[in-house]
Amino acid sequence: MTMDAAEITQRFKGTLAEVLGIRFVEATPERLVAELTYRPDLTTVGGSLHGGTLMAFADTVGAAATVLNLPPGASTTTLESKTNFFAAGRAGIVRAESTPLHRGKRTMVWQTRVTDASGRLLSLTTQTQMVLT
């Protein structure tokens, strides 16, 4: 499926991705990039981006990357997701970059790096997406 970043952002209107404020900025079958602006309502009591925010951000980007690689008429769902957290996001724009580790007929595996504006790694998510035909 071919979509540009603006079309992907539009497709997520009315979903959690819109609530979080996810904006897709680059889209190819080999790489999908999105951004999220730090807001206090997305944080822990201590002021760092909540792990659930980072996980939902990464899951959304990995799922959207899968959609760009689906055959006509297919859909996807997350089978498994694992996230490691490395640093606290405390301000500015965070960026998620999802790249494929495996693009098969029945499953796809994506790795999503979430970084802050300085490029510091905040989290790394590896997720398996099932291809539903």
C-alpha atoms as a PDB file:
ATOM      1  CA  MET A   1       0.000   0.000   0.000  1.00  0.00           C
ATOM      2  CA  THR A   2       1.376   3.397  -0.908  1.00  0.00           C
ATOM      3  CA  MET A   3       0.664   6.331   1.415  1.00  0.00           C
ATOM      4  CA  ASP A   4       2.571   9.457   2.239  1.00  0.00           C
ATOM      5  CA  ALA A   5       3.108  10.743   5.770  1.00  0.00           C
ATOM      6  CA  ALA A   6       0.141  13.146   5.634  1.00  0.00           C
ATOM      7  CA  GLU A   7      -2.212  10.347   4.506  1.00  0.00           C
ATOM      8  CA  ILE A   8      -1.047   8.112   7.365  1.00  0.00           C
ATOM      9  CA  THR A   9      -1.611  10.910   9.893  1.00  0.00           C
ATOM     10  CA  GLN A  10      -5.115  11.447   8.464  1.00  0.00           C
ATOM     11  CA  ARG A  11      -5.877   7.730   8.669  1.00  0.00           C
ATOM     12  CA  PHE A  12      -5.293   7.831  12.443  1.00  0.00           C
ATOM     13  CA  LYS A  13      -7.780  10.670  13.071  1.00  0.00           C
ATOM     14  CA  GLY A  14     -10.130   9.792  15.918  1.00  0.00           C
ATOM     15  CA  THR A  15      -7.791   7.181  17.433  1.00  0.00           C
ATOM     16  CA  LEU A  16      -5.286   7.040  20.282  1.00  0.00           C
ATOM     17  CA  ALA A  17      -2.622   8.259  17.851  1.00  0.00           C
ATOM     18  CA  GLU A  18      -4.506  11.535  17.490  1.00  0.00           C
ATOM     19  CA  VAL A  19      -5.001  11.825  21.267  1.00  0.00           C
ATOM     20  CA  LEU A  20      -1.243  11.380  21.742  1.00  0.00           C
ATOM     21  CA  GLY A  21      -0.551  13.897  18.975  1.00  0.00           C
ATOM     22  CA  ILE A  22       1.451  11.566  16.733  1.00  0.00           C
ATOM     23  CA  ARG A  23       2.486  13.170  13.440  1.00  0.00           C
ATOM     24  CA  PHE A  24       3.968  11.044  10.666  1.00  0.00           C
ATOM     25  CA  VAL A  25       6.763  12.881   8.876  1.00  0.00           C
ATOM     26  CA  GLU A  26       8.447  10.318   6.563  1.00  0.00           C
ATOM     27  CA  ALA A  27       6.985   7.185   5.013  1.00  0.00           C
ATOM     28  CA  THR A  28       8.504   4.487   2.829  1.00  0.00           C
ATOM     29  CA  PRO A  29       8.110   0.699   2.959  1.00  0.00           C
ATOM     30  CA  GLU A  30      11.635   0.526   4.474  1.00  0.00           C
ATOM     31  CA  ARG A  31      11.322   3.288   7.098  1.00  0.00           C
ATOM     32  CA  LEU A  32       8.572   5.183   8.875  1.00  0.00           C
ATOM     33  CA  VAL A  33       9.263   8.241  11.017  1.00  0.00           C
ATOM     34  CA  ALA A  34       6.843  10.046  13.330  1.00  0.00           C
ATOM     35  CA  GLU A  35       7.037  12.772  15.949  1.00  0.00           C
ATOM     36  CA  LEU A  36       5.325  13.457  19.248  1.00  0.00           C
ATOM     37  CA  THR A  37       5.491  16.668  21.244  1.00  0.00           C
ATOM     38  CA  TYR A  38       6.141  16.399  24.991  1.00  0.00           C
ATOM     39  CA  ARG A  39       3.085  17.438  27.029  1.00  0.00           C
ATOM     40  CA  PRO A  40       2.583  17.217  30.798  1.00  0.00           C
ATOM     41  CA  ASP A  41      -0.525  15.043  30.337  1.00  0.00           C
ATOM     42  CA  LEU A  42       1.660  12.343  28.708  1.00  0.00           C
ATOM     43  CA  THR A  43       4.042  12.082  31.668  1.00  0.00           C
ATOM     44  CA  THR A  44       4.533  10.415  35.021  1.00  0.00           C
ATOM     45  CA  VAL A  45       4.178  12.336  38.296  1.00  0.00           C
ATOM     46  CA  GLY A  46       7.938  12.991  38.021  1.00  0.00           C
ATOM     47  CA  GLY A  47       7.580  14.774  34.680  1.00  0.00           C
ATOM     48  CA  SER A  48       9.144  12.254  32.296  1.00  0.00           C
ATOM     49  CA  LEU A  49       7.226  10.784  29.393  1.00  0.00           C
ATOM     50  CA  HIS A  50       5.242   7.808  30.668  1.00  0.00           C
ATOM     51  CA  GLY A  51       6.432   4.384  29.513  1.00  0.00           C
ATOM     52  CA  GLY A  52       2.925   3.734  28.222  1.00  0.00           C
ATOM     53  CA  THR A  53       3.187   6.849  26.059  1.00  0.00           C
ATOM     54  CA  LEU A  54       6.468   5.636  24.574  1.00  0.00           C
ATOM     55  CA  MET A  55       5.107   2.122  24.049  1.00  0.00           C
ATOM     56  CA  ALA A  56       1.886   3.336  22.422  1.00  0.00           C
ATOM     57  CA  PHE A  57       3.925   5.677  20.221  1.00  0.00           C
ATOM     58  CA  ALA A  58       6.227   2.857  19.092  1.00  0.00           C
ATOM     59  CA  ASP A  59       3.366   0.371  18.620  1.00  0.00           C
ATOM     60  CA  THR A  60       1.462   2.822  16.441  1.00  0.00           C
ATOM     61  CA  VAL A  61       4.492   3.570  14.269  1.00  0.00           C
ATOM     62  CA  GLY A  62       5.389  -0.122  13.864  1.00  0.00           C
ATOM     63  CA  ALA A  63       1.801  -1.016  12.958  1.00  0.00           C
ATOM     64  CA  ALA A  64       1.637   1.816  10.420  1.00  0.00           C
ATOM     65  CA  ALA A  65       4.942   0.638   8.914  1.00  0.00           C
ATOM     66  CA  THR A  66       3.429  -2.823   8.545  1.00  0.00           C
ATOM     67  CA  VAL A  67       0.389  -1.373   6.766  1.00  0.00           C
ATOM     68  CA  LEU A  68       2.700   0.157   4.166  1.00  0.00           C
ATOM     69  CA  ASN A  69       3.969  -3.355   3.408  1.00  0.00           C
ATOM     70  CA  LEU A  70       0.686  -5.303   3.355  1.00  0.00           C
ATOM     71  CA  PRO A  71      -0.705  -7.011   0.270  1.00  0.00           C
ATOM     72  CA  PRO A  72      -4.024  -5.646  -1.040  1.00  0.00           C
ATOM     73  CA  GLY A  73      -6.973  -6.474   1.224  1.00  0.00           C
ATOM     74  CA  ALA A  74      -4.839  -7.490   4.223  1.00  0.00           C
ATOM     75  CA  SER A  75      -4.767  -5.925   7.682  1.00  0.00           C
ATOM     76  CA  THR A  76      -2.555  -6.333  10.741  1.00  0.00           C
ATOM     77  CA  THR A  77      -2.546  -6.716  14.500  1.00  0.00           C
ATOM     78  CA  THR A  78       0.257  -6.716  17.051  1.00  0.00           C
ATOM     79  CA  LEU A  79       1.204 -10.218  18.253  1.00  0.00           C
ATOM     80  CA  GLU A  80       4.084  -9.311  20.567  1.00  0.00           C
ATOM     81  CA  SER A  81       5.863  -6.180  21.686  1.00  0.00           C
ATOM     82  CA  LYS A  82       8.930  -5.682  23.873  1.00  0.00           C
ATOM     83  CA  THR A  83      10.248  -2.316  24.990  1.00  0.00           C
ATOM     84  CA  ASN A  84      13.480  -1.369  26.716  1.00  0.00           C
ATOM     85  CA  PHE A  85      13.680   2.065  28.333  1.00  0.00           C
ATOM     86  CA  PHE A  86      16.996   3.922  28.389  1.00  0.00           C
ATOM     87  CA  ALA A  87      16.379   7.557  29.319  1.00  0.00           C
ATOM     88  CA  ALA A  88      13.615   9.925  30.396  1.00  0.00           C
ATOM     89  CA  GLY A  89      11.992  12.220  27.858  1.00  0.00           C
ATOM     90  CA  ARG A  90      11.411  15.544  29.586  1.00  0.00           C
ATOM     91  CA  ALA A  91      10.846  18.174  26.882  1.00  0.00           C
ATOM     92  CA  GLY A  92      10.501  18.991  23.218  1.00  0.00           C
ATOM     93  CA  ILE A  93       9.836  16.723  20.290  1.00  0.00           C
ATOM     94  CA  VAL A  94      10.448  12.987  20.452  1.00  0.00           C
ATOM     95  CA  ARG A  95      10.943  11.015  17.277  1.00  0.00           C
ATOM     96  CA  ALA A  96      10.168   7.388  16.451  1.00  0.00           C
ATOM     97  CA  GLU A  97      11.889   5.611  13.577  1.00  0.00           C
ATOM     98  CA  SER A  98      10.617   2.168  12.639  1.00  0.00           C
ATOM     99  CA  THR A  99      12.600  -0.168  10.384  1.00  0.00           C
ATOM    100  CA  PRO A 100      11.918  -3.790   9.416  1.00  0.00           C
ATOM    101  CA  LEU A 101      13.791  -6.746  10.839  1.00  0.00           C
ATOM    102  CA  HIS A 102      11.564  -9.209   8.943  1.00  0.00           C
ATOM    103  CA  ARG A 103       8.829  -8.740   6.315  1.00  0.00           C
ATOM    104  CA  GLY A 104       7.207 -12.104   5.704  1.00  0.00           C
ATOM    105  CA  LYS A 105       3.897 -13.267   4.290  1.00  0.00           C
ATOM    106  CA  ARG A 106       2.379 -14.086   7.717  1.00  0.00           C
ATOM    107  CA  THR A 107       4.331 -11.882  10.118  1.00  0.00           C
ATOM    108  CA  MET A 108       6.474  -8.766  10.106  1.00  0.00           C
ATOM    109  CA  VAL A 109       8.896  -7.673  12.809  1.00  0.00           C
ATOM    110  CA  TRP A 110       9.705  -3.988  13.293  1.00  0.00           C
ATOM    111  CA  GLN A 111      12.236  -2.215  15.466  1.00  0.00           C
ATOM    112  CA  THR A 112      11.303   1.274  16.620  1.00  0.00           C
ATOM    113  CA  ARG A 113      13.832   3.661  18.138  1.00  0.00           C
ATOM    114  CA  VAL A 114      12.379   6.583  20.092  1.00  0.00           C
ATOM    115  CA  THR A 115      14.812   9.475  20.570  1.00  0.00           C
ATOM    116  CA  ASP A 116      14.687  12.988  21.983  1.00  0.00           C
ATOM    117  CA  ALA A 117      15.618  16.154  20.083  1.00  0.00           C
ATOM    118  CA  SER A 118      19.321  15.646  20.874  1.00  0.00           C
ATOM    119  CA  GLY A 119      19.219  12.124  19.415  1.00  0.00           C
ATOM    120  CA  ARG A 120      19.442  10.421  22.830  1.00  0.00           C
ATOM    121  CA  LEU A 121      17.788   7.001  22.809  1.00  0.00           C
ATOM    122  CA  LEU A 122      14.733   6.964  25.094  1.00  0.00           C
ATOM    123  CA  SER A 123      13.357   3.532  24.216  1.00  0.00           C
ATOM    124  CA  LEU A 124      13.713   0.651  21.794  1.00  0.00           C
ATOM    125  CA  THR A 125      10.701  -1.474  20.873  1.00  0.00           C
ATOM    126  CA  THR A 126      10.681  -4.696  18.870  1.00  0.00           C
ATOM    127  CA  GLN A 127       7.228  -5.835  17.807  1.00  0.00           C
ATOM    128  CA  THR A 128       5.801  -8.674  15.786  1.00  0.00           C
ATOM    129  CA  GLN A 129       2.827  -7.873  13.584  1.00  0.00           C
ATOM    130  CA  MET A 130       0.540 -10.595  12.226  1.00  0.00           C
ATOM    131  CA  VAL A 131      -0.587 -10.210   8.626  1.00  0.00           C
ATOM    132  CA  LEU A 132      -4.346 -10.875   8.472  1.00  0.00           C
ATOM    133  CA  THR A 133      -5.650 -11.923   5.070  1.00  0.00           C
END
